[in-house]
Amino acid sequence: MLHGVTTQDDPTDAGDATVVMPVSVRDLLPRDLPACTWSGSPVHLRGVERELARAAAGEVDYLAVCTPADLPVAIGGIDYRVSAAAGTLWQLAVLPALQSCGLGTLLVGAAEQRIRERGLHRAELAVEEDNPRARALYERLGYVAYGRAPDAWDEEGPDGAVRRHETMCVLMRKGV
């Protein structure tokens, strides 16, 4: 399905042109990973590759919002094993240069549709407490906070060293 996303270099500058770019949503494929380096380090992409194996087994869906050239500009997963009654959204990312253009909203909407197609009626996610921009998006889309929980994952630094990132997340959910 094609969707349109509007971009504008600087919305405060009336002289800038507005561009409407058609995008589509499809499953993320292993062949897409080299084009997704913007979403995280090599450690992160190896994790995404493992999740694509789980997608093949039906445990998760992993989506990509793509340009007309079929390049992913937003990606994210839905895990159906975290909660029997909900799809859990995770690893949502938008190409930094295209943030605030509606791609995250489109990605979350497509994920919610996949959850409904599985016969589930709730979407859940966790957002880092120090990421107010993402939390504001989820709240705008109808997600409500219901708790907090610690989370951790490996991150690769600019020097190539892998470190454990530990954080506190706000747990959010929405009926779909």
N, C-alpha and C. Protein backbone atom coordinates (compact mmCIF):
# COMPACT_ATOMS: atom_id res chain seq x y z
N MET A 1 0.84 -1.16 0.00
CA MET A 1 0.00 0.00 0.00
C MET A 1 0.89 1.24 0.00
N LEU A 2 0.60 2.18 -0.86
CA LEU A 2 1.37 3.42 -0.93
C LEU A 2 0.77 4.47 -0.01
N HIS A 3 1.64 5.21 0.62
CA HIS A 3 1.26 6.32 1.49
C HIS A 3 2.11 7.51 1.08
N GLY A 4 1.68 8.70 1.41
CA GLY A 4 2.48 9.89 1.14
C GLY A 4 3.00 10.48 2.42
N VAL A 5 4.24 10.89 2.43
CA VAL A 5 4.86 11.55 3.57
C VAL A 5 5.34 12.90 3.11
N THR A 6 5.02 13.92 3.88
CA THR A 6 5.41 15.28 3.54
C THR A 6 6.68 15.65 4.28
N THR A 7 7.65 16.21 3.57
CA THR A 7 8.87 16.68 4.20
C THR A 7 9.04 18.16 3.90
N GLN A 8 9.68 18.84 4.81
CA GLN A 8 9.97 20.25 4.62
C GLN A 8 11.26 20.53 5.38
N ASP A 9 12.23 21.16 4.71
CA ASP A 9 13.53 21.39 5.33
C ASP A 9 13.42 22.17 6.64
N ASP A 10 12.73 23.27 6.63
CA ASP A 10 12.58 24.10 7.81
C ASP A 10 11.18 24.70 7.78
N PRO A 11 10.25 24.17 8.58
CA PRO A 11 8.88 24.65 8.52
C PRO A 11 8.73 26.12 8.87
N THR A 12 9.72 26.73 9.51
CA THR A 12 9.62 28.15 9.85
C THR A 12 10.03 29.05 8.68
N ASP A 13 10.63 28.47 7.65
CA ASP A 13 11.08 29.24 6.49
C ASP A 13 10.07 29.06 5.36
N ALA A 14 9.26 30.07 5.13
CA ALA A 14 8.20 29.99 4.12
C ALA A 14 8.75 29.80 2.72
N GLY A 15 10.03 30.06 2.50
CA GLY A 15 10.61 29.92 1.18
C GLY A 15 10.97 28.49 0.82
N ASP A 16 11.02 27.60 1.81
CA ASP A 16 11.36 26.21 1.52
C ASP A 16 10.21 25.49 0.84
N ALA A 17 10.55 24.60 -0.05
CA ALA A 17 9.55 23.82 -0.76
C ALA A 17 9.13 22.62 0.08
N THR A 18 7.88 22.26 -0.04
CA THR A 18 7.36 21.06 0.59
C THR A 18 7.41 19.94 -0.45
N VAL A 19 7.89 18.79 -0.03
CA VAL A 19 8.01 17.64 -0.92
C VAL A 19 7.13 16.52 -0.39
N VAL A 20 6.34 15.91 -1.26
CA VAL A 20 5.55 14.75 -0.88
C VAL A 20 6.21 13.55 -1.51
N MET A 21 6.58 12.59 -0.67
CA MET A 21 7.27 11.40 -1.14
C MET A 21 6.38 10.19 -0.89
N PRO A 22 6.06 9.43 -1.94
CA PRO A 22 5.28 8.21 -1.70
C PRO A 22 6.15 7.16 -1.01
N VAL A 23 5.58 6.48 -0.05
CA VAL A 23 6.28 5.39 0.64
C VAL A 23 5.34 4.20 0.74
N SER A 24 5.91 3.04 0.96
CA SER A 24 5.13 1.84 1.16
C SER A 24 5.64 1.11 2.39
N VAL A 25 4.80 0.24 2.95
CA VAL A 25 5.17 -0.55 4.11
C VAL A 25 5.17 -2.02 3.69
N ARG A 26 6.24 -2.70 4.03
CA ARG A 26 6.38 -4.13 3.73
C ARG A 26 7.21 -4.78 4.82
N ASP A 27 7.36 -6.09 4.71
CA ASP A 27 8.23 -6.80 5.64
C ASP A 27 9.68 -6.41 5.38
N LEU A 28 10.44 -6.24 6.46
CA LEU A 28 11.88 -6.04 6.34
C LEU A 28 12.50 -7.37 5.93
N LEU A 29 13.45 -7.33 5.03
CA LEU A 29 14.10 -8.53 4.51
C LEU A 29 15.59 -8.50 4.82
N PRO A 30 16.23 -9.66 4.91
CA PRO A 30 17.68 -9.68 5.17
C PRO A 30 18.46 -8.84 4.17
N ARG A 31 18.03 -8.79 2.92
CA ARG A 31 18.74 -8.00 1.91
C ARG A 31 18.68 -6.50 2.19
N ASP A 32 17.76 -6.07 3.07
CA ASP A 32 17.62 -4.65 3.41
C ASP A 32 18.66 -4.17 4.43
N LEU A 33 19.25 -5.08 5.17
CA LEU A 33 20.10 -4.68 6.30
C LEU A 33 21.26 -3.77 5.93
N PRO A 34 21.94 -3.97 4.78
CA PRO A 34 23.01 -3.02 4.45
C PRO A 34 22.52 -1.58 4.26
N ALA A 35 21.24 -1.41 3.93
CA ALA A 35 20.69 -0.07 3.77
C ALA A 35 20.14 0.50 5.07
N CYS A 36 20.26 -0.24 6.17
CA CYS A 36 19.71 0.19 7.46
C CYS A 36 20.77 0.56 8.48
N THR A 37 21.98 0.87 8.03
CA THR A 37 23.04 1.21 8.98
C THR A 37 22.71 2.45 9.79
N TRP A 38 21.82 3.31 9.29
CA TRP A 38 21.39 4.50 10.03
C TRP A 38 20.63 4.12 11.31
N SER A 39 20.11 2.89 11.40
CA SER A 39 19.27 2.52 12.55
C SER A 39 20.08 2.06 13.75
N GLY A 40 21.38 1.81 13.57
CA GLY A 40 22.18 1.37 14.71
C GLY A 40 23.51 0.79 14.27
N SER A 41 24.25 0.37 15.25
CA SER A 41 25.59 -0.16 15.04
C SER A 41 25.54 -1.55 14.43
N PRO A 42 26.71 -2.08 14.03
CA PRO A 42 26.75 -3.47 13.55
C PRO A 42 26.18 -4.47 14.57
N VAL A 43 26.39 -4.22 15.87
CA VAL A 43 25.82 -5.10 16.90
C VAL A 43 24.29 -5.07 16.80
N HIS A 44 23.73 -3.89 16.64
CA HIS A 44 22.27 -3.76 16.52
C HIS A 44 21.78 -4.49 15.27
N LEU A 45 22.46 -4.29 14.16
CA LEU A 45 22.01 -4.92 12.91
C LEU A 45 22.11 -6.44 12.96
N ARG A 46 23.08 -6.97 13.68
CA ARG A 46 23.15 -8.42 13.86
C ARG A 46 21.94 -8.90 14.67
N GLY A 47 21.53 -8.10 15.63
CA GLY A 47 20.32 -8.42 16.40
C GLY A 47 19.08 -8.39 15.54
N VAL A 48 18.98 -7.40 14.66
CA VAL A 48 17.85 -7.33 13.73
C VAL A 48 17.86 -8.55 12.82
N GLU A 49 19.03 -8.96 12.37
CA GLU A 49 19.13 -10.15 11.52
C GLU A 49 18.60 -11.39 12.25
N ARG A 50 18.90 -11.51 13.54
CA ARG A 50 18.37 -12.64 14.33
C ARG A 50 16.85 -12.55 14.42
N GLU A 51 16.34 -11.34 14.57
CA GLU A 51 14.89 -11.17 14.66
C GLU A 51 14.20 -11.53 13.34
N LEU A 52 14.88 -11.31 12.22
CA LEU A 52 14.30 -11.70 10.93
C LEU A 52 14.15 -13.21 10.83
N ALA A 53 15.03 -13.96 11.48
CA ALA A 53 14.87 -15.42 11.54
C ALA A 53 13.63 -15.77 12.35
N ARG A 54 13.37 -15.03 13.42
CA ARG A 54 12.15 -15.24 14.21
C ARG A 54 10.92 -14.86 13.40
N ALA A 55 11.04 -13.85 12.53
CA ALA A 55 9.91 -13.48 11.68
C ALA A 55 9.56 -14.62 10.73
N ALA A 56 10.56 -15.27 10.20
CA ALA A 56 10.32 -16.41 9.31
C ALA A 56 9.58 -17.53 10.05
N ALA A 57 9.76 -17.61 11.37
CA ALA A 57 9.09 -18.63 12.17
C ALA A 57 7.71 -18.17 12.66
N GLY A 58 7.32 -16.91 12.35
CA GLY A 58 6.02 -16.40 12.74
C GLY A 58 5.94 -15.85 14.15
N GLU A 59 7.07 -15.75 14.84
CA GLU A 59 7.06 -15.24 16.21
C GLU A 59 6.99 -13.72 16.27
N VAL A 60 7.48 -13.06 15.25
CA VAL A 60 7.50 -11.60 15.18
C VAL A 60 7.18 -11.17 13.75
N ASP A 61 6.80 -9.92 13.62
CA ASP A 61 6.78 -9.24 12.32
C ASP A 61 7.83 -8.15 12.41
N TYR A 62 8.54 -7.91 11.33
CA TYR A 62 9.51 -6.81 11.30
C TYR A 62 9.20 -6.03 10.02
N LEU A 63 8.81 -4.76 10.19
CA LEU A 63 8.32 -3.95 9.09
C LEU A 63 9.34 -2.92 8.62
N ALA A 64 9.19 -2.53 7.37
CA ALA A 64 10.01 -1.47 6.78
C ALA A 64 9.10 -0.50 6.03
N VAL A 65 9.29 0.79 6.28
CA VAL A 65 8.67 1.83 5.46
C VAL A 65 9.71 2.19 4.41
N CYS A 66 9.34 2.07 3.14
CA CYS A 66 10.32 2.20 2.05
C CYS A 66 9.97 3.31 1.08
N THR A 67 11.02 3.89 0.50
CA THR A 67 10.90 4.92 -0.53
C THR A 67 10.53 4.25 -1.86
N PRO A 68 10.24 5.04 -2.88
CA PRO A 68 9.96 4.45 -4.20
C PRO A 68 11.13 3.62 -4.74
N ALA A 69 12.35 3.89 -4.28
CA ALA A 69 13.51 3.09 -4.68
C ALA A 69 13.63 1.82 -3.83
N ASP A 70 12.63 1.56 -2.98
CA ASP A 70 12.56 0.39 -2.12
C ASP A 70 13.64 0.37 -1.04
N LEU A 71 14.07 1.55 -0.59
CA LEU A 71 15.04 1.67 0.49
C LEU A 71 14.32 1.94 1.81
N PRO A 72 14.59 1.18 2.86
CA PRO A 72 13.95 1.42 4.15
C PRO A 72 14.37 2.75 4.76
N VAL A 73 13.36 3.51 5.23
CA VAL A 73 13.61 4.77 5.92
C VAL A 73 13.01 4.77 7.32
N ALA A 74 12.31 3.69 7.66
CA ALA A 74 11.80 3.47 9.00
C ALA A 74 11.63 1.96 9.16
N ILE A 75 11.99 1.46 10.34
CA ILE A 75 11.87 0.02 10.58
C ILE A 75 11.39 -0.21 12.01
N GLY A 76 10.79 -1.36 12.24
CA GLY A 76 10.38 -1.71 13.59
C GLY A 76 9.74 -3.07 13.65
N GLY A 77 9.79 -3.65 14.84
CA GLY A 77 9.28 -4.99 15.03
C GLY A 77 8.06 -5.06 15.92
N ILE A 78 7.37 -6.18 15.80
CA ILE A 78 6.25 -6.53 16.68
C ILE A 78 6.52 -7.94 17.17
N ASP A 79 6.66 -8.10 18.47
CA ASP A 79 6.92 -9.40 19.07
C ASP A 79 5.61 -9.94 19.64
N TYR A 80 5.24 -11.15 19.25
CA TYR A 80 4.00 -11.77 19.71
C TYR A 80 4.24 -12.75 20.86
N ARG A 81 5.49 -12.89 21.30
CA ARG A 81 5.82 -13.83 22.37
C ARG A 81 5.96 -13.16 23.73
N VAL A 82 6.06 -11.84 23.79
CA VAL A 82 6.24 -11.14 25.06
C VAL A 82 4.97 -11.24 25.90
N SER A 83 3.82 -11.05 25.27
CA SER A 83 2.53 -11.10 25.95
C SER A 83 1.55 -11.87 25.06
N ALA A 84 0.85 -12.83 25.64
CA ALA A 84 -0.09 -13.63 24.87
C ALA A 84 -1.27 -12.80 24.37
N ALA A 85 -1.56 -11.69 25.05
CA ALA A 85 -2.74 -10.89 24.71
C ALA A 85 -2.43 -9.64 23.90
N ALA A 86 -1.14 -9.43 23.54
CA ALA A 86 -0.79 -8.18 22.87
C ALA A 86 0.39 -8.40 21.92
N GLY A 87 0.50 -7.50 20.97
CA GLY A 87 1.71 -7.40 20.17
C GLY A 87 2.58 -6.33 20.80
N THR A 88 3.86 -6.61 20.98
CA THR A 88 4.77 -5.67 21.62
C THR A 88 5.67 -5.04 20.56
N LEU A 89 5.52 -3.73 20.37
CA LEU A 89 6.34 -3.00 19.41
C LEU A 89 7.72 -2.76 20.02
N TRP A 90 8.75 -2.92 19.19
CA TRP A 90 10.10 -2.65 19.68
C TRP A 90 11.03 -2.38 18.50
N GLN A 91 12.18 -1.80 18.84
CA GLN A 91 13.21 -1.43 17.87
C GLN A 91 12.66 -0.52 16.76
N LEU A 92 11.79 0.41 17.12
CA LEU A 92 11.26 1.36 16.16
C LEU A 92 12.31 2.43 15.88
N ALA A 93 12.57 2.68 14.61
CA ALA A 93 13.58 3.67 14.24
C ALA A 93 13.20 4.32 12.92
N VAL A 94 13.50 5.61 12.81
CA VAL A 94 13.26 6.38 11.59
C VAL A 94 14.59 7.03 11.19
N LEU A 95 14.89 7.00 9.91
CA LEU A 95 16.08 7.67 9.39
C LEU A 95 16.12 9.08 9.97
N PRO A 96 17.19 9.46 10.68
CA PRO A 96 17.21 10.76 11.36
C PRO A 96 16.83 11.96 10.49
N ALA A 97 17.28 12.00 9.26
CA ALA A 97 16.97 13.14 8.39
C ALA A 97 15.49 13.24 8.05
N LEU A 98 14.73 12.15 8.26
CA LEU A 98 13.30 12.15 7.93
C LEU A 98 12.41 12.06 9.15
N GLN A 99 12.96 12.27 10.34
CA GLN A 99 12.13 12.28 11.53
C GLN A 99 11.20 13.48 11.49
N SER A 100 10.05 13.34 12.12
CA SER A 100 9.00 14.38 12.18
C SER A 100 8.32 14.61 10.83
N CYS A 101 8.37 13.61 9.97
CA CYS A 101 7.70 13.70 8.66
C CYS A 101 6.52 12.73 8.55
N GLY A 102 6.18 12.07 9.63
CA GLY A 102 5.04 11.14 9.62
C GLY A 102 5.41 9.69 9.44
N LEU A 103 6.69 9.38 9.27
CA LEU A 103 7.08 7.98 9.05
C LEU A 103 6.87 7.12 10.29
N GLY A 104 7.17 7.66 11.47
CA GLY A 104 6.94 6.91 12.70
C GLY A 104 5.46 6.61 12.91
N THR A 105 4.63 7.60 12.64
CA THR A 105 3.18 7.42 12.74
C THR A 105 2.71 6.33 11.78
N LEU A 106 3.21 6.37 10.57
CA LEU A 106 2.86 5.37 9.57
C LEU A 106 3.33 3.98 10.01
N LEU A 107 4.55 3.88 10.51
CA LEU A 107 5.10 2.61 10.97
C LEU A 107 4.27 2.02 12.11
N VAL A 108 3.94 2.84 13.10
CA VAL A 108 3.15 2.36 14.23
C VAL A 108 1.77 1.93 13.76
N GLY A 109 1.16 2.69 12.87
CA GLY A 109 -0.15 2.31 12.34
C GLY A 109 -0.12 0.97 11.61
N ALA A 110 0.93 0.75 10.83
CA ALA A 110 1.07 -0.52 10.12
C ALA A 110 1.28 -1.66 11.11
N ALA A 111 2.05 -1.41 12.17
CA ALA A 111 2.26 -2.43 13.20
C ALA A 111 0.95 -2.76 13.90
N GLU A 112 0.17 -1.74 14.22
CA GLU A 112 -1.12 -1.98 14.87
C GLU A 112 -2.04 -2.79 13.96
N GLN A 113 -1.99 -2.55 12.66
CA GLN A 113 -2.79 -3.34 11.72
C GLN A 113 -2.36 -4.80 11.74
N ARG A 114 -1.06 -5.06 11.78
CA ARG A 114 -0.57 -6.44 11.85
C ARG A 114 -1.06 -7.12 13.14
N ILE A 115 -1.06 -6.37 14.23
CA ILE A 115 -1.53 -6.91 15.51
C ILE A 115 -3.00 -7.31 15.40
N ARG A 116 -3.81 -6.43 14.81
CA ARG A 116 -5.24 -6.74 14.62
C ARG A 116 -5.41 -7.97 13.74
N GLU A 117 -4.59 -8.08 12.68
CA GLU A 117 -4.68 -9.23 11.78
C GLU A 117 -4.37 -10.54 12.50
N ARG A 118 -3.63 -10.47 13.60
CA ARG A 118 -3.33 -11.66 14.41
C ARG A 118 -4.47 -11.98 15.38
N GLY A 119 -5.51 -11.15 15.38
CA GLY A 119 -6.63 -11.37 16.28
C GLY A 119 -6.41 -10.81 17.68
N LEU A 120 -5.39 -9.99 17.84
CA LEU A 120 -5.11 -9.37 19.14
C LEU A 120 -5.71 -7.97 19.17
N HIS A 121 -5.96 -7.48 20.38
CA HIS A 121 -6.66 -6.19 20.52
C HIS A 121 -5.87 -5.17 21.34
N ARG A 122 -4.58 -5.44 21.56
CA ARG A 122 -3.77 -4.48 22.32
C ARG A 122 -2.35 -4.45 21.79
N ALA A 123 -1.81 -3.24 21.73
CA ALA A 123 -0.40 -3.02 21.39
C ALA A 123 0.29 -2.48 22.63
N GLU A 124 1.53 -2.94 22.85
CA GLU A 124 2.32 -2.47 23.98
C GLU A 124 3.69 -2.05 23.49
N LEU A 125 4.35 -1.21 24.25
CA LEU A 125 5.72 -0.82 23.94
C LEU A 125 6.37 -0.25 25.18
N ALA A 126 7.67 -0.14 25.12
CA ALA A 126 8.44 0.49 26.19
C ALA A 126 9.26 1.60 25.55
N VAL A 127 9.28 2.75 26.19
CA VAL A 127 10.05 3.88 25.69
C VAL A 127 10.96 4.38 26.81
N GLU A 128 12.20 4.65 26.45
CA GLU A 128 13.14 5.13 27.46
C GLU A 128 12.64 6.43 28.08
N GLU A 129 12.81 6.54 29.39
CA GLU A 129 12.36 7.74 30.09
C GLU A 129 13.04 9.00 29.57
N ASP A 130 14.27 8.86 29.08
CA ASP A 130 14.98 10.04 28.59
C ASP A 130 14.77 10.25 27.09
N ASN A 131 13.65 9.76 26.55
CA ASN A 131 13.30 9.98 25.14
C ASN A 131 11.91 10.61 25.07
N PRO A 132 11.79 11.89 25.50
CA PRO A 132 10.47 12.52 25.53
C PRO A 132 9.85 12.70 24.15
N ARG A 133 10.66 12.83 23.13
CA ARG A 133 10.13 13.00 21.77
C ARG A 133 9.35 11.76 21.33
N ALA A 134 9.93 10.57 21.55
CA ALA A 134 9.24 9.34 21.19
C ALA A 134 8.00 9.16 22.06
N ARG A 135 8.13 9.43 23.35
CA ARG A 135 6.96 9.27 24.23
C ARG A 135 5.83 10.19 23.80
N ALA A 136 6.14 11.41 23.40
CA ALA A 136 5.10 12.33 22.94
C ALA A 136 4.39 11.78 21.70
N LEU A 137 5.14 11.17 20.79
CA LEU A 137 4.53 10.56 19.61
C LEU A 137 3.56 9.46 20.03
N TYR A 138 4.01 8.56 20.90
CA TYR A 138 3.15 7.45 21.32
C TYR A 138 1.91 7.96 22.04
N GLU A 139 2.05 8.98 22.87
CA GLU A 139 0.88 9.55 23.55
C GLU A 139 -0.07 10.17 22.54
N ARG A 140 0.48 10.86 21.54
CA ARG A 140 -0.37 11.45 20.49
C ARG A 140 -1.14 10.37 19.74
N LEU A 141 -0.53 9.17 19.62
CA LEU A 141 -1.18 8.07 18.92
C LEU A 141 -2.11 7.25 19.82
N GLY A 142 -2.27 7.69 21.08
CA GLY A 142 -3.23 7.05 21.97
C GLY A 142 -2.66 6.08 22.98
N TYR A 143 -1.36 5.94 23.06
CA TYR A 143 -0.74 5.05 24.04
C TYR A 143 -0.76 5.70 25.41
N VAL A 144 -1.01 4.88 26.43
CA VAL A 144 -1.11 5.36 27.80
C VAL A 144 -0.08 4.61 28.66
N ALA A 145 0.61 5.37 29.49
CA ALA A 145 1.59 4.77 30.39
C ALA A 145 0.88 3.96 31.46
N TYR A 146 1.45 2.78 31.79
CA TYR A 146 0.86 1.95 32.84
C TYR A 146 1.92 1.41 33.81
N GLY A 147 3.18 1.76 33.62
CA GLY A 147 4.21 1.28 34.54
C GLY A 147 5.60 1.66 34.07
N ARG A 148 6.59 1.16 34.80
CA ARG A 148 7.99 1.38 34.47
C ARG A 148 8.72 0.06 34.63
N ALA A 149 9.80 -0.10 33.86
CA ALA A 149 10.60 -1.31 33.98
C ALA A 149 12.01 -1.02 33.47
N PRO A 150 13.01 -1.65 34.09
CA PRO A 150 14.37 -1.51 33.56
C PRO A 150 14.52 -2.33 32.29
N ASP A 151 15.45 -1.91 31.44
CA ASP A 151 15.77 -2.66 30.23
C ASP A 151 17.26 -2.48 29.97
N ALA A 152 17.82 -3.35 29.17
CA ALA A 152 19.24 -3.28 28.85
C ALA A 152 19.50 -3.99 27.53
N TRP A 153 20.52 -3.52 26.81
CA TRP A 153 20.94 -4.15 25.57
C TRP A 153 22.38 -3.73 25.28
N ASP A 154 23.02 -4.49 24.41
CA ASP A 154 24.39 -4.18 24.02
C ASP A 154 24.40 -3.09 22.97
N GLU A 155 25.35 -2.18 23.10
CA GLU A 155 25.56 -1.10 22.13
C GLU A 155 27.04 -1.06 21.76
N GLU A 156 27.28 -0.75 20.51
CA GLU A 156 28.66 -0.62 20.05
C GLU A 156 29.01 0.87 19.96
N GLY A 157 30.07 1.24 20.62
CA GLY A 157 30.51 2.63 20.61
C GLY A 157 31.31 2.97 19.38
N PRO A 158 31.62 4.25 19.18
CA PRO A 158 32.40 4.68 18.02
C PRO A 158 33.78 4.02 17.96
N ASP A 159 34.28 3.61 19.12
CA ASP A 159 35.59 2.95 19.16
C ASP A 159 35.51 1.45 18.88
N GLY A 160 34.28 0.95 18.63
CA GLY A 160 34.09 -0.47 18.34
C GLY A 160 33.87 -1.33 19.57
N ALA A 161 34.03 -0.75 20.76
CA ALA A 161 33.83 -1.51 21.99
C ALA A 161 32.34 -1.70 22.24
N VAL A 162 31.97 -2.88 22.67
CA VAL A 162 30.58 -3.19 22.99
C VAL A 162 30.37 -2.99 24.49
N ARG A 163 29.34 -2.20 24.80
CA ARG A 163 29.01 -1.90 26.19
C ARG A 163 27.54 -2.21 26.43
N ARG A 164 27.21 -2.50 27.66
CA ARG A 164 25.83 -2.74 28.04
C ARG A 164 25.16 -1.42 28.34
N HIS A 165 24.06 -1.13 27.64
CA HIS A 165 23.28 0.08 27.87
C HIS A 165 22.14 -0.30 28.81
N GLU A 166 22.08 0.34 29.96
CA GLU A 166 21.02 0.08 30.93
C GLU A 166 20.18 1.33 31.06
N THR A 167 18.87 1.16 31.10
CA THR A 167 17.97 2.29 31.11
C THR A 167 16.67 1.94 31.84
N MET A 168 15.89 2.94 32.12
CA MET A 168 14.55 2.75 32.68
C MET A 168 13.55 3.15 31.61
N CYS A 169 12.54 2.33 31.43
CA CYS A 169 11.54 2.58 30.39
C CYS A 169 10.16 2.78 30.98
N VAL A 170 9.37 3.59 30.31
CA VAL A 170 7.95 3.74 30.59
C VAL A 170 7.24 2.71 29.73
N LEU A 171 6.38 1.91 30.36
CA LEU A 171 5.58 0.91 29.65
C LEU A 171 4.27 1.57 29.22
N MET A 172 3.93 1.39 27.95
CA MET A 172 2.74 2.03 27.39
C MET A 172 1.91 0.99 26.64
N ARG A 173 0.62 1.24 26.56
CA ARG A 173 -0.25 0.32 25.81
C ARG A 173 -1.44 1.08 25.22
N LYS A 174 -2.06 0.40 24.27
CA LYS A 174 -3.20 1.00 23.56
C LYS A 174 -4.08 -0.14 23.04
N GLY A 175 -5.37 0.04 23.11
CA GLY A 175 -6.28 -0.91 22.49
C GLY A 175 -6.28 -0.67 20.99
N VAL A 176 -6.21 -1.76 20.25
CA VAL A 176 -6.23 -1.64 18.78
C VAL A 176 -7.40 -2.45 18.24
